[in-house]
C-alpha cells in the first residue's frame, strides 16, 4: 500500500518505563484491531537499563548500580534516563518501502538523521551496530518488537544524559565509551527542539502526518 497516513502523536513527558511498557502493549493490541490510528509516544524515563534477548544470550553484565528490566525487543542493552528522548512508534507498517524489519529499522534511523540535520548535527549509520552515530560515537539506539507488523518499542536519542552513565556500559559488541550523548560532542539542545525536528521531518521520512498539524 502506497501513500501516507495520519498518526496520533502523544507527548507523555517524564514517565516510568514500566507504565509506558504496559501502555505500548495495550496500544499495539488496539492498533491491531484498528481501534486507533498509527500512534507515536514521545517521552523520557527515570534511569533504567532494558535488556533485550541478544544481551541475555551473550550474558552481557550490567553493573549493579543500574536498575534493569528484561524486554522482548530486538537488540541488546539500552540505557534510558534523563537527557534522553525516547520515541515509541505503535505503527502498522504496511505502506510502500515497509516490507521487512530491516527496511523499517532503516526508515527510523533515517528519520532521526534527517531530524538532527535540521538542528545542524551530521549524523549517520555505522556498520558496527544499528542505531544513529555522530562523530564515530553512538547517540541513538533502535529496537523493535512486532505483532502482525504492528510495532512496539522504538528508538532513543541521547542529548544531555548524566555524565558517565551511558558511557560506562558495555553493549553487545560495543566497548564501554562507544555510546555517548550529543552534549559531550559539542551539541547543546533541548528535548523540545528534537521533538519539533522529528515532527518536521516525519512526513518525508516515514510517510506519516501528525493528525494535529
N, C-alpha and C. Protein backbone atom coordinates (compact mmCIF):
# COMPACT_ATOMS: atom_id res chain seq x y z
N UNK A 1 0.85 -1.19 0.00
CA UNK A 1 0.00 0.00 0.00
C UNK A 1 0.89 1.24 0.00
N UNK A 2 0.69 2.12 -0.95
CA UNK A 2 1.47 3.34 -1.03
C UNK A 2 0.77 4.45 -0.24
N UNK A 3 1.31 5.67 -0.36
CA UNK A 3 0.65 6.83 0.22
C UNK A 3 1.17 7.20 1.59
N UNK A 4 0.35 7.98 2.31
CA UNK A 4 0.70 8.48 3.63
C UNK A 4 -0.45 8.21 4.59
N UNK A 5 -0.15 8.37 5.88
CA UNK A 5 -1.17 8.05 6.88
C UNK A 5 -1.02 9.00 8.06
N UNK A 6 -2.15 9.42 8.62
CA UNK A 6 -2.09 10.27 9.79
C UNK A 6 -1.68 9.46 11.02
N UNK A 7 -1.01 10.14 11.94
CA UNK A 7 -0.54 9.49 13.15
C UNK A 7 -0.90 10.36 14.35
N UNK A 8 -1.27 9.71 15.43
CA UNK A 8 -1.58 10.39 16.69
C UNK A 8 -0.30 10.49 17.50
N UNK A 9 0.21 11.71 17.67
CA UNK A 9 1.45 11.94 18.43
C UNK A 9 1.09 12.29 19.87
N UNK A 10 1.60 11.51 20.81
CA UNK A 10 1.32 11.74 22.24
C UNK A 10 2.62 12.08 22.96
N UNK A 11 2.68 13.27 23.50
CA UNK A 11 3.85 13.70 24.29
C UNK A 11 3.56 13.41 25.76
N UNK A 12 4.29 12.46 26.32
CA UNK A 12 3.95 11.94 27.64
C UNK A 12 4.90 12.39 28.73
N UNK A 13 5.90 13.21 28.39
CA UNK A 13 6.79 13.75 29.41
C UNK A 13 7.68 12.69 30.04
N UNK A 14 8.07 12.94 31.30
CA UNK A 14 9.00 12.06 32.03
C UNK A 14 8.18 11.03 32.78
N UNK A 15 8.21 9.77 32.32
CA UNK A 15 7.28 8.75 32.79
C UNK A 15 8.02 7.45 33.05
N UNK A 16 7.63 6.74 34.10
CA UNK A 16 8.27 5.46 34.43
C UNK A 16 8.19 4.49 33.25
N UNK A 17 9.28 3.75 33.04
CA UNK A 17 9.34 2.82 31.93
C UNK A 17 8.23 1.77 32.01
N UNK A 18 7.99 1.23 33.20
CA UNK A 18 7.01 0.15 33.34
C UNK A 18 5.62 0.62 32.90
N UNK A 19 5.28 1.86 33.21
CA UNK A 19 3.98 2.39 32.82
C UNK A 19 3.87 2.49 31.29
N UNK A 20 4.94 2.95 30.64
CA UNK A 20 4.92 3.08 29.19
C UNK A 20 4.93 1.71 28.52
N UNK A 21 5.67 0.77 29.10
CA UNK A 21 5.73 -0.57 28.51
C UNK A 21 4.34 -1.21 28.49
N UNK A 22 3.59 -1.03 29.56
CA UNK A 22 2.22 -1.54 29.62
C UNK A 22 1.33 -0.82 28.61
N UNK A 23 1.48 0.50 28.52
CA UNK A 23 0.70 1.27 27.55
C UNK A 23 0.99 0.83 26.13
N UNK A 24 2.27 0.57 25.82
CA UNK A 24 2.63 0.12 24.47
C UNK A 24 1.90 -1.16 24.10
N UNK A 25 1.84 -2.10 25.04
CA UNK A 25 1.16 -3.37 24.76
C UNK A 25 -0.33 -3.15 24.50
N UNK A 26 -0.94 -2.28 25.30
CA UNK A 26 -2.36 -2.00 25.12
C UNK A 26 -2.62 -1.34 23.77
N UNK A 27 -1.79 -0.38 23.42
CA UNK A 27 -1.97 0.34 22.15
C UNK A 27 -1.69 -0.57 20.96
N UNK A 28 -0.71 -1.46 21.09
CA UNK A 28 -0.43 -2.39 20.00
C UNK A 28 -1.66 -3.25 19.71
N UNK A 29 -2.29 -3.75 20.76
CA UNK A 29 -3.49 -4.56 20.57
C UNK A 29 -4.60 -3.73 19.93
N UNK A 30 -4.76 -2.50 20.39
CA UNK A 30 -5.79 -1.62 19.81
C UNK A 30 -5.50 -1.32 18.34
N UNK A 31 -4.23 -1.13 18.02
CA UNK A 31 -3.88 -0.85 16.61
C UNK A 31 -4.14 -2.08 15.75
N UNK A 32 -3.86 -3.25 16.28
CA UNK A 32 -4.13 -4.49 15.53
C UNK A 32 -5.61 -4.62 15.20
N UNK A 33 -6.46 -4.15 16.11
CA UNK A 33 -7.90 -4.23 15.91
C UNK A 33 -8.45 -3.01 15.17
N UNK A 34 -7.55 -2.13 14.72
CA UNK A 34 -7.95 -0.89 14.03
C UNK A 34 -8.86 -0.02 14.89
N UNK A 35 -8.64 -0.07 16.20
CA UNK A 35 -9.41 0.77 17.11
C UNK A 35 -8.78 2.15 17.27
N UNK A 36 -7.49 2.26 16.94
CA UNK A 36 -6.78 3.53 16.99
C UNK A 36 -5.96 3.67 15.71
N UNK A 37 -5.56 4.90 15.36
CA UNK A 37 -4.66 5.08 14.22
C UNK A 37 -3.23 4.77 14.62
N UNK A 38 -2.32 4.81 13.65
CA UNK A 38 -0.90 4.78 14.00
C UNK A 38 -0.65 5.81 15.10
N UNK A 39 0.15 5.43 16.09
CA UNK A 39 0.35 6.27 17.27
C UNK A 39 1.83 6.32 17.60
N UNK A 40 2.31 7.50 17.96
CA UNK A 40 3.71 7.66 18.34
C UNK A 40 3.76 8.27 19.74
N UNK A 41 4.46 7.60 20.65
CA UNK A 41 4.66 8.08 22.01
C UNK A 41 6.03 8.73 22.11
N UNK A 42 6.09 9.93 22.67
CA UNK A 42 7.35 10.64 22.86
C UNK A 42 7.49 10.94 24.34
N UNK A 43 8.61 10.50 24.95
CA UNK A 43 8.74 10.64 26.39
C UNK A 43 10.20 10.54 26.81
N UNK A 44 10.42 10.55 28.12
CA UNK A 44 11.71 10.19 28.71
C UNK A 44 11.41 9.37 29.96
N UNK A 45 12.45 8.72 30.49
CA UNK A 45 12.27 7.83 31.64
C UNK A 45 13.27 8.15 32.75
N UNK A 46 12.91 7.85 34.01
CA UNK A 46 13.94 7.75 35.04
C UNK A 46 14.93 6.65 34.64
N UNK A 47 16.12 6.68 35.22
CA UNK A 47 17.16 5.76 34.76
C UNK A 47 16.74 4.29 34.89
N UNK A 48 16.93 3.56 33.78
CA UNK A 48 16.72 2.11 33.76
C UNK A 48 17.44 1.57 32.53
N UNK A 49 18.01 0.38 32.64
CA UNK A 49 18.65 -0.29 31.51
C UNK A 49 17.76 -1.45 31.09
N UNK A 50 17.31 -1.41 29.84
CA UNK A 50 16.50 -2.50 29.31
C UNK A 50 17.41 -3.54 28.66
N UNK A 51 17.13 -4.80 28.92
CA UNK A 51 17.98 -5.90 28.47
C UNK A 51 17.21 -6.76 27.49
N UNK A 52 17.63 -6.72 26.23
CA UNK A 52 16.97 -7.49 25.19
C UNK A 52 17.50 -8.90 25.07
N UNK A 53 16.89 -9.71 24.22
CA UNK A 53 17.28 -11.13 24.08
C UNK A 53 18.75 -11.32 23.71
N UNK A 54 19.29 -10.47 22.83
CA UNK A 54 20.69 -10.63 22.43
C UNK A 54 21.62 -10.45 23.61
N UNK A 55 21.32 -9.50 24.48
CA UNK A 55 22.16 -9.27 25.66
C UNK A 55 22.06 -10.43 26.64
N UNK A 56 20.86 -10.98 26.79
CA UNK A 56 20.71 -12.13 27.69
C UNK A 56 21.45 -13.34 27.13
N UNK A 57 21.36 -13.53 25.82
CA UNK A 57 22.06 -14.65 25.18
C UNK A 57 23.57 -14.52 25.33
N UNK A 58 24.07 -13.29 25.16
CA UNK A 58 25.52 -13.06 25.24
C UNK A 58 26.00 -12.84 26.67
N UNK A 59 25.07 -12.91 27.63
CA UNK A 59 25.41 -12.75 29.05
C UNK A 59 26.12 -11.42 29.33
N UNK A 60 25.59 -10.36 28.71
CA UNK A 60 26.11 -9.02 28.96
C UNK A 60 25.86 -8.65 30.42
N UNK A 61 26.89 -8.15 31.10
CA UNK A 61 26.78 -7.80 32.52
C UNK A 61 26.53 -6.31 32.66
N UNK A 62 25.45 -5.97 33.33
CA UNK A 62 25.15 -4.57 33.65
C UNK A 62 25.57 -4.33 35.09
N UNK A 63 26.38 -3.30 35.37
CA UNK A 63 26.82 -3.04 36.76
C UNK A 63 25.64 -2.94 37.72
N UNK A 64 25.88 -3.33 38.96
CA UNK A 64 24.80 -3.48 39.94
C UNK A 64 24.17 -2.15 40.35
N UNK A 65 24.82 -1.03 40.05
CA UNK A 65 24.25 0.26 40.44
C UNK A 65 23.29 0.82 39.39
N UNK A 66 22.94 0.01 38.38
CA UNK A 66 21.95 0.40 37.38
C UNK A 66 20.68 -0.43 37.58
N UNK A 67 19.51 0.20 37.67
CA UNK A 67 18.27 -0.58 37.65
C UNK A 67 18.08 -1.19 36.26
N UNK A 68 17.54 -2.41 36.21
CA UNK A 68 17.39 -3.11 34.93
C UNK A 68 16.01 -3.75 34.82
N UNK A 69 15.64 -4.06 33.57
CA UNK A 69 14.43 -4.83 33.31
C UNK A 69 14.60 -5.58 31.99
N UNK A 70 14.08 -6.78 31.91
CA UNK A 70 14.12 -7.56 30.67
C UNK A 70 13.02 -7.09 29.72
N UNK A 71 13.34 -7.06 28.42
CA UNK A 71 12.36 -6.66 27.41
C UNK A 71 12.43 -7.64 26.25
N UNK A 72 11.42 -7.57 25.35
CA UNK A 72 11.34 -8.52 24.24
C UNK A 72 11.63 -7.88 22.89
N UNK A 73 12.15 -6.66 22.86
CA UNK A 73 12.50 -6.02 21.60
C UNK A 73 13.79 -6.60 21.05
N UNK A 74 14.08 -6.30 19.79
CA UNK A 74 15.36 -6.69 19.22
C UNK A 74 16.50 -5.90 19.84
N UNK A 75 17.69 -6.46 19.79
CA UNK A 75 18.86 -5.74 20.26
C UNK A 75 19.34 -6.20 21.62
N UNK A 76 20.34 -5.48 22.14
CA UNK A 76 20.98 -5.85 23.38
C UNK A 76 20.50 -5.00 24.54
N UNK A 77 21.44 -4.26 25.17
CA UNK A 77 21.05 -3.40 26.28
C UNK A 77 20.87 -1.96 25.78
N UNK A 78 19.92 -1.26 26.39
CA UNK A 78 19.71 0.15 26.09
C UNK A 78 19.52 0.90 27.39
N UNK A 79 20.34 1.94 27.56
CA UNK A 79 20.19 2.83 28.72
C UNK A 79 19.06 3.80 28.46
N UNK A 80 18.23 4.01 29.48
CA UNK A 80 17.23 5.08 29.46
C UNK A 80 17.43 5.95 30.69
N UNK A 81 17.15 7.24 30.54
CA UNK A 81 17.26 8.12 31.69
C UNK A 81 17.10 9.57 31.29
N UNK A 82 17.30 10.48 32.24
CA UNK A 82 17.19 11.91 31.95
C UNK A 82 18.16 12.33 30.85
N UNK A 83 17.74 13.31 30.06
CA UNK A 83 18.61 13.77 28.97
C UNK A 83 18.56 12.90 27.74
N UNK A 84 17.56 12.03 27.68
CA UNK A 84 17.36 11.17 26.51
C UNK A 84 15.91 11.27 26.06
N UNK A 85 15.71 11.45 24.76
CA UNK A 85 14.38 11.43 24.19
C UNK A 85 14.09 10.02 23.68
N UNK A 86 12.91 9.50 24.01
CA UNK A 86 12.53 8.16 23.58
C UNK A 86 11.27 8.27 22.73
N UNK A 87 11.27 7.58 21.60
CA UNK A 87 10.14 7.61 20.67
C UNK A 87 9.69 6.18 20.42
N UNK A 88 8.42 5.92 20.71
CA UNK A 88 7.85 4.59 20.54
C UNK A 88 6.78 4.62 19.45
N UNK A 89 7.05 4.09 18.25
CA UNK A 89 6.04 4.04 17.20
C UNK A 89 5.15 2.80 17.32
N UNK A 90 3.89 3.02 17.61
CA UNK A 90 2.89 1.94 17.59
C UNK A 90 2.24 2.03 16.21
N UNK A 91 2.91 1.49 15.24
CA UNK A 91 2.58 1.72 13.83
C UNK A 91 2.32 0.41 13.12
N UNK A 92 1.33 0.43 12.25
CA UNK A 92 1.10 -0.69 11.34
C UNK A 92 1.92 -0.43 10.08
N UNK A 93 2.96 -1.21 9.90
CA UNK A 93 3.92 -0.99 8.82
C UNK A 93 3.48 -1.74 7.56
N UNK A 94 2.66 -1.11 6.76
CA UNK A 94 2.20 -1.76 5.53
C UNK A 94 2.14 -0.79 4.35
N UNK A 95 2.88 0.31 4.46
CA UNK A 95 2.98 1.23 3.34
C UNK A 95 4.17 0.84 2.46
N UNK A 96 4.33 1.54 1.37
CA UNK A 96 5.43 1.25 0.43
C UNK A 96 6.78 1.40 1.13
N UNK A 97 7.69 0.46 0.89
CA UNK A 97 9.02 0.51 1.49
C UNK A 97 9.09 -0.05 2.89
N UNK A 98 8.03 -0.73 3.34
CA UNK A 98 7.99 -1.26 4.70
C UNK A 98 7.82 -2.78 4.69
N UNK A 99 8.56 -3.42 3.76
CA UNK A 99 8.34 -4.85 3.51
C UNK A 99 8.98 -5.76 4.54
N UNK A 100 9.98 -5.28 5.29
CA UNK A 100 10.63 -6.15 6.26
C UNK A 100 11.23 -5.32 7.39
N UNK A 101 11.72 -6.00 8.41
CA UNK A 101 12.22 -5.32 9.61
C UNK A 101 13.43 -4.45 9.28
N UNK A 102 14.29 -4.91 8.40
CA UNK A 102 15.46 -4.11 8.04
C UNK A 102 15.05 -2.78 7.41
N UNK A 103 14.06 -2.83 6.50
CA UNK A 103 13.59 -1.59 5.87
C UNK A 103 12.98 -0.65 6.90
N UNK A 104 12.21 -1.19 7.82
CA UNK A 104 11.55 -0.37 8.83
C UNK A 104 12.58 0.26 9.77
N UNK A 105 13.55 -0.54 10.21
CA UNK A 105 14.61 -0.02 11.07
C UNK A 105 15.38 1.09 10.37
N UNK A 106 15.69 0.87 9.10
CA UNK A 106 16.40 1.89 8.32
C UNK A 106 15.59 3.18 8.21
N UNK A 107 14.28 3.04 8.03
CA UNK A 107 13.42 4.23 7.97
C UNK A 107 13.51 5.04 9.27
N UNK A 108 13.48 4.36 10.39
CA UNK A 108 13.56 5.05 11.67
C UNK A 108 14.92 5.71 11.85
N UNK A 109 15.99 5.01 11.48
CA UNK A 109 17.32 5.62 11.56
C UNK A 109 17.41 6.87 10.70
N UNK A 110 16.91 6.79 9.48
CA UNK A 110 16.97 7.94 8.58
C UNK A 110 16.08 9.08 9.07
N UNK A 111 15.00 8.75 9.75
CA UNK A 111 14.16 9.78 10.34
C UNK A 111 14.95 10.58 11.38
N UNK A 112 15.67 9.88 12.24
CA UNK A 112 16.49 10.56 13.24
C UNK A 112 17.59 11.39 12.56
N UNK A 113 18.24 10.81 11.58
CA UNK A 113 19.33 11.51 10.87
C UNK A 113 18.81 12.79 10.22
N UNK A 114 17.65 12.71 9.56
CA UNK A 114 17.06 13.89 8.93
C UNK A 114 16.67 14.94 9.96
N UNK A 115 16.17 14.50 11.09
CA UNK A 115 15.76 15.42 12.14
C UNK A 115 16.96 16.14 12.75
N UNK A 116 18.04 15.40 12.99
CA UNK A 116 19.24 16.03 13.55
C UNK A 116 19.88 16.99 12.55
N UNK A 117 19.73 16.69 11.26
CA UNK A 117 20.27 17.61 10.24
C UNK A 117 19.59 18.97 10.33
N UNK A 118 18.30 18.99 10.67
CA UNK A 118 17.59 20.26 10.86
C UNK A 118 18.25 21.08 11.97
N UNK A 119 18.83 20.38 12.95
CA UNK A 119 19.49 21.03 14.09
C UNK A 119 21.00 21.16 13.88
N UNK A 120 21.43 21.02 12.62
CA UNK A 120 22.84 21.19 12.24
C UNK A 120 23.76 20.15 12.87
N UNK A 121 23.24 18.95 13.05
CA UNK A 121 24.05 17.83 13.52
C UNK A 121 24.16 16.82 12.39
N UNK A 122 25.38 16.48 11.99
CA UNK A 122 25.59 15.50 10.93
C UNK A 122 25.65 14.11 11.55
N UNK A 123 24.59 13.35 11.36
CA UNK A 123 24.51 12.00 11.91
C UNK A 123 24.50 11.00 10.77
N UNK A 124 24.76 9.73 11.11
CA UNK A 124 24.81 8.68 10.10
C UNK A 124 24.60 7.33 10.76
N UNK A 125 24.52 6.30 9.94
CA UNK A 125 24.53 4.94 10.45
C UNK A 125 25.97 4.44 10.46
N UNK A 126 26.18 3.28 11.08
CA UNK A 126 27.53 2.73 11.22
C UNK A 126 27.43 1.21 11.13
N UNK A 127 28.38 0.59 10.43
CA UNK A 127 28.33 -0.86 10.24
C UNK A 127 28.54 -1.64 11.53
N UNK A 128 29.02 -0.98 12.59
CA UNK A 128 29.26 -1.69 13.84
C UNK A 128 27.96 -2.16 14.50
N UNK A 129 26.92 -1.34 14.38
CA UNK A 129 25.65 -1.68 15.03
C UNK A 129 24.57 -0.74 14.52
N UNK A 130 23.32 -1.25 14.45
CA UNK A 130 22.23 -0.36 14.05
C UNK A 130 22.07 0.74 15.09
N UNK A 131 21.45 1.83 14.67
CA UNK A 131 21.32 3.00 15.52
C UNK A 131 21.82 4.22 14.79
N UNK A 132 22.01 5.31 15.52
CA UNK A 132 22.45 6.57 14.93
C UNK A 132 23.74 7.01 15.59
N UNK A 133 24.67 7.46 14.76
CA UNK A 133 26.03 7.77 15.19
C UNK A 133 26.40 9.20 14.80
N UNK A 134 27.19 9.85 15.65
CA UNK A 134 27.70 11.19 15.39
C UNK A 134 29.17 11.21 15.78
N UNK A 135 30.01 11.64 14.86
CA UNK A 135 31.46 11.72 15.11
C UNK A 135 32.03 10.40 15.62
N UNK A 136 31.54 9.30 15.08
CA UNK A 136 32.05 7.98 15.45
C UNK A 136 31.53 7.43 16.76
N UNK A 137 30.62 8.16 17.42
CA UNK A 137 30.04 7.69 18.68
C UNK A 137 28.55 7.43 18.48
N UNK A 138 28.04 6.45 19.19
CA UNK A 138 26.62 6.09 19.08
C UNK A 138 25.80 6.95 20.02
N UNK A 139 24.82 7.68 19.47
CA UNK A 139 24.00 8.56 20.30
C UNK A 139 22.53 8.13 20.28
N UNK A 140 22.20 7.10 19.51
CA UNK A 140 20.82 6.65 19.45
C UNK A 140 20.72 5.18 19.14
N UNK A 141 19.78 4.50 19.78
CA UNK A 141 19.55 3.08 19.57
C UNK A 141 18.18 2.85 18.95
N UNK A 142 18.06 1.74 18.23
CA UNK A 142 16.78 1.33 17.66
C UNK A 142 16.54 -0.13 18.02
N UNK A 143 15.35 -0.42 18.52
CA UNK A 143 14.98 -1.80 18.83
C UNK A 143 13.48 -1.94 18.82
N UNK A 144 12.97 -2.89 18.06
CA UNK A 144 11.53 -3.03 17.88
C UNK A 144 11.06 -4.44 18.22
N UNK A 145 9.77 -4.54 18.54
CA UNK A 145 9.10 -5.83 18.65
C UNK A 145 7.83 -5.72 17.82
N UNK A 146 7.49 -6.79 17.11
CA UNK A 146 6.35 -6.75 16.19
C UNK A 146 5.32 -7.80 16.54
N UNK A 147 4.08 -7.46 16.23
CA UNK A 147 3.00 -8.44 16.23
C UNK A 147 2.16 -8.15 15.00
N UNK A 148 2.19 -9.06 14.04
CA UNK A 148 1.48 -8.87 12.77
C UNK A 148 1.78 -7.50 12.16
N UNK A 149 3.06 -7.14 12.20
CA UNK A 149 3.58 -5.91 11.58
C UNK A 149 3.11 -4.63 12.25
N UNK A 150 2.64 -4.74 13.47
CA UNK A 150 2.45 -3.55 14.31
C UNK A 150 3.57 -3.54 15.33
N UNK A 151 4.28 -2.42 15.40
CA UNK A 151 5.49 -2.36 16.23
C UNK A 151 5.22 -1.85 17.64
N UNK A 152 6.09 -2.27 18.54
CA UNK A 152 6.27 -1.70 19.88
C UNK A 152 7.73 -1.35 20.05
N UNK A 153 8.05 -0.71 21.15
CA UNK A 153 9.40 -0.20 21.42
C UNK A 153 9.76 0.82 20.34
N UNK A 154 11.03 1.15 20.17
CA UNK A 154 11.33 2.23 19.23
C UNK A 154 12.77 2.66 19.26
N UNK A 155 13.00 3.99 19.42
CA UNK A 155 14.38 4.49 19.35
C UNK A 155 14.62 5.57 20.38
N UNK A 156 15.91 5.79 20.64
CA UNK A 156 16.35 6.79 21.62
C UNK A 156 17.29 7.79 20.97
N UNK A 157 17.33 8.98 21.54
CA UNK A 157 18.31 10.00 21.16
C UNK A 157 18.89 10.57 22.45
N UNK A 158 20.18 10.35 22.67
CA UNK A 158 20.86 10.89 23.85
C UNK A 158 21.33 12.31 23.55
N UNK A 159 20.80 13.29 24.30
CA UNK A 159 21.20 14.67 24.03
C UNK A 159 21.86 15.35 25.23
N UNK A 160 21.54 14.96 26.46
CA UNK A 160 22.16 15.57 27.64
C UNK A 160 22.07 14.62 28.82
N UNK A 161 22.57 13.41 28.64
CA UNK A 161 22.48 12.39 29.69
C UNK A 161 23.50 12.68 30.80
N UNK A 162 23.25 12.18 32.02
CA UNK A 162 24.21 12.38 33.11
C UNK A 162 25.59 11.84 32.72
N UNK A 163 26.60 12.62 32.97
CA UNK A 163 27.95 12.24 32.52
C UNK A 163 28.38 10.91 33.10
N UNK A 164 28.86 10.05 32.22
CA UNK A 164 29.44 8.78 32.62
C UNK A 164 28.47 7.62 32.70
N UNK A 165 27.16 7.89 32.74
CA UNK A 165 26.23 6.78 32.96
C UNK A 165 26.09 5.88 31.73
N UNK A 166 25.76 6.47 30.58
CA UNK A 166 25.64 5.63 29.38
C UNK A 166 27.03 5.19 28.90
N UNK A 167 28.04 6.02 29.15
CA UNK A 167 29.40 5.69 28.69
C UNK A 167 29.98 4.48 29.41
N UNK A 168 29.52 4.20 30.61
CA UNK A 168 30.11 3.12 31.42
C UNK A 168 29.62 1.74 31.02
N UNK A 169 28.61 1.67 30.15
CA UNK A 169 28.00 0.38 29.83
C UNK A 169 28.66 -0.27 28.62
N UNK A 170 28.88 -1.57 28.70
CA UNK A 170 29.29 -2.38 27.56
C UNK A 170 28.04 -2.86 26.84
N UNK A 171 27.93 -2.59 25.55
CA UNK A 171 26.82 -3.12 24.77
C UNK A 171 27.20 -4.42 24.12
N UNK A 172 26.27 -5.00 23.37
CA UNK A 172 26.57 -6.22 22.63
C UNK A 172 27.52 -5.88 21.47
N UNK A 173 28.78 -6.23 21.61
CA UNK A 173 29.74 -5.96 20.56
C UNK A 173 30.34 -4.58 20.60
N UNK A 174 29.93 -3.74 21.54
CA UNK A 174 30.48 -2.40 21.66
C UNK A 174 31.12 -2.23 23.04
N UNK A 175 32.32 -1.67 23.06
CA UNK A 175 33.00 -1.47 24.33
C UNK A 175 32.45 -0.24 25.03
N UNK A 176 32.66 -0.18 26.35
CA UNK A 176 32.23 0.98 27.13
C UNK A 176 32.84 2.24 26.53
N UNK A 177 32.07 3.32 26.52
CA UNK A 177 32.54 4.59 25.98
C UNK A 177 32.16 4.83 24.54
N UNK A 178 31.67 3.77 23.83
CA UNK A 178 31.28 3.94 22.43
C UNK A 178 29.99 4.74 22.32
N UNK A 179 29.09 4.54 23.27
CA UNK A 179 27.83 5.28 23.29
C UNK A 179 27.98 6.50 24.18
N UNK A 180 27.46 7.63 23.70
CA UNK A 180 27.58 8.86 24.47
C UNK A 180 26.37 9.74 24.20
N UNK A 181 26.51 11.03 24.46
CA UNK A 181 25.41 11.99 24.35
C UNK A 181 25.85 13.19 23.51
N UNK A 182 24.91 13.81 22.84
CA UNK A 182 25.22 14.91 21.92
C UNK A 182 25.93 16.07 22.62
N UNK A 183 25.60 16.35 23.87
CA UNK A 183 26.25 17.48 24.54
C UNK A 183 27.73 17.22 24.74
N UNK A 184 28.12 15.95 24.90
CA UNK A 184 29.54 15.62 25.04
C UNK A 184 30.29 15.82 23.73
N UNK A 185 29.56 15.87 22.62
CA UNK A 185 30.17 16.07 21.31
C UNK A 185 30.08 17.52 20.85
N UNK A 186 29.62 18.39 21.75
CA UNK A 186 29.59 19.81 21.45
C UNK A 186 28.27 20.35 20.94
N UNK A 187 27.20 19.54 21.01
CA UNK A 187 25.89 19.97 20.52
C UNK A 187 24.94 20.14 21.70
N UNK A 188 24.52 21.37 21.92
CA UNK A 188 23.61 21.67 23.02
C UNK A 188 22.21 21.87 22.46
N UNK A 189 21.26 21.09 22.97
CA UNK A 189 19.87 21.22 22.50
C UNK A 189 18.94 20.66 23.56
N UNK A 190 17.66 21.03 23.44
CA UNK A 190 16.65 20.59 24.38
C UNK A 190 15.75 19.53 23.75
N UNK A 191 15.05 18.80 24.60
CA UNK A 191 14.15 17.74 24.12
C UNK A 191 13.09 18.30 23.18
N UNK A 192 12.55 19.46 23.50
CA UNK A 192 11.50 20.05 22.67
C UNK A 192 12.02 20.39 21.27
N UNK A 193 13.27 20.83 21.17
CA UNK A 193 13.84 21.12 19.85
C UNK A 193 13.93 19.85 19.01
N UNK A 194 14.36 18.76 19.62
CA UNK A 194 14.48 17.50 18.89
C UNK A 194 13.09 17.00 18.49
N UNK A 195 12.13 17.12 19.41
CA UNK A 195 10.77 16.69 19.10
C UNK A 195 10.22 17.45 17.90
N UNK A 196 10.39 18.77 17.89
CA UNK A 196 9.88 19.57 16.78
C UNK A 196 10.56 19.19 15.46
N UNK A 197 11.87 18.92 15.52
CA UNK A 197 12.58 18.49 14.31
C UNK A 197 12.06 17.15 13.81
N UNK A 198 11.77 16.23 14.74
CA UNK A 198 11.20 14.94 14.35
C UNK A 198 9.85 15.12 13.67
N UNK A 199 9.02 15.99 14.20
CA UNK A 199 7.71 16.21 13.61
C UNK A 199 7.82 16.89 12.24
N UNK A 200 8.80 17.76 12.09
CA UNK A 200 9.01 18.43 10.80
C UNK A 200 9.41 17.44 9.71
N UNK A 201 10.22 16.45 10.07
CA UNK A 201 10.76 15.52 9.07
C UNK A 201 9.98 14.22 8.99
N UNK A 202 8.94 14.07 9.79
CA UNK A 202 8.22 12.79 9.87
C UNK A 202 7.58 12.41 8.54
N UNK A 203 6.93 13.36 7.89
CA UNK A 203 6.23 13.05 6.65
C UNK A 203 7.17 12.53 5.58
N UNK A 204 8.28 13.22 5.39
CA UNK A 204 9.24 12.79 4.36
C UNK A 204 9.96 11.51 4.74
N UNK A 205 10.15 11.26 6.05
CA UNK A 205 10.96 10.13 6.49
C UNK A 205 10.18 8.83 6.61
N UNK A 206 8.97 8.90 7.18
CA UNK A 206 8.22 7.65 7.40
C UNK A 206 6.79 7.72 6.85
N UNK A 207 6.51 8.73 6.04
CA UNK A 207 5.20 8.83 5.37
C UNK A 207 4.03 8.87 6.36
N UNK A 208 4.28 9.50 7.52
CA UNK A 208 3.20 9.71 8.48
C UNK A 208 3.04 11.21 8.75
N UNK A 209 1.79 11.63 8.90
CA UNK A 209 1.45 13.02 9.14
C UNK A 209 0.88 13.18 10.54
N UNK A 210 1.33 14.19 11.25
CA UNK A 210 0.77 14.48 12.57
C UNK A 210 -0.68 14.90 12.40
N UNK A 211 -1.58 14.14 13.01
CA UNK A 211 -3.01 14.41 12.86
C UNK A 211 -3.39 15.78 13.40
N UNK A 212 -2.56 16.32 14.30
CA UNK A 212 -2.89 17.62 14.91
C UNK A 212 -2.27 18.79 14.17
N UNK A 213 -1.50 18.51 13.13
CA UNK A 213 -0.83 19.62 12.42
C UNK A 213 -1.74 20.22 11.35
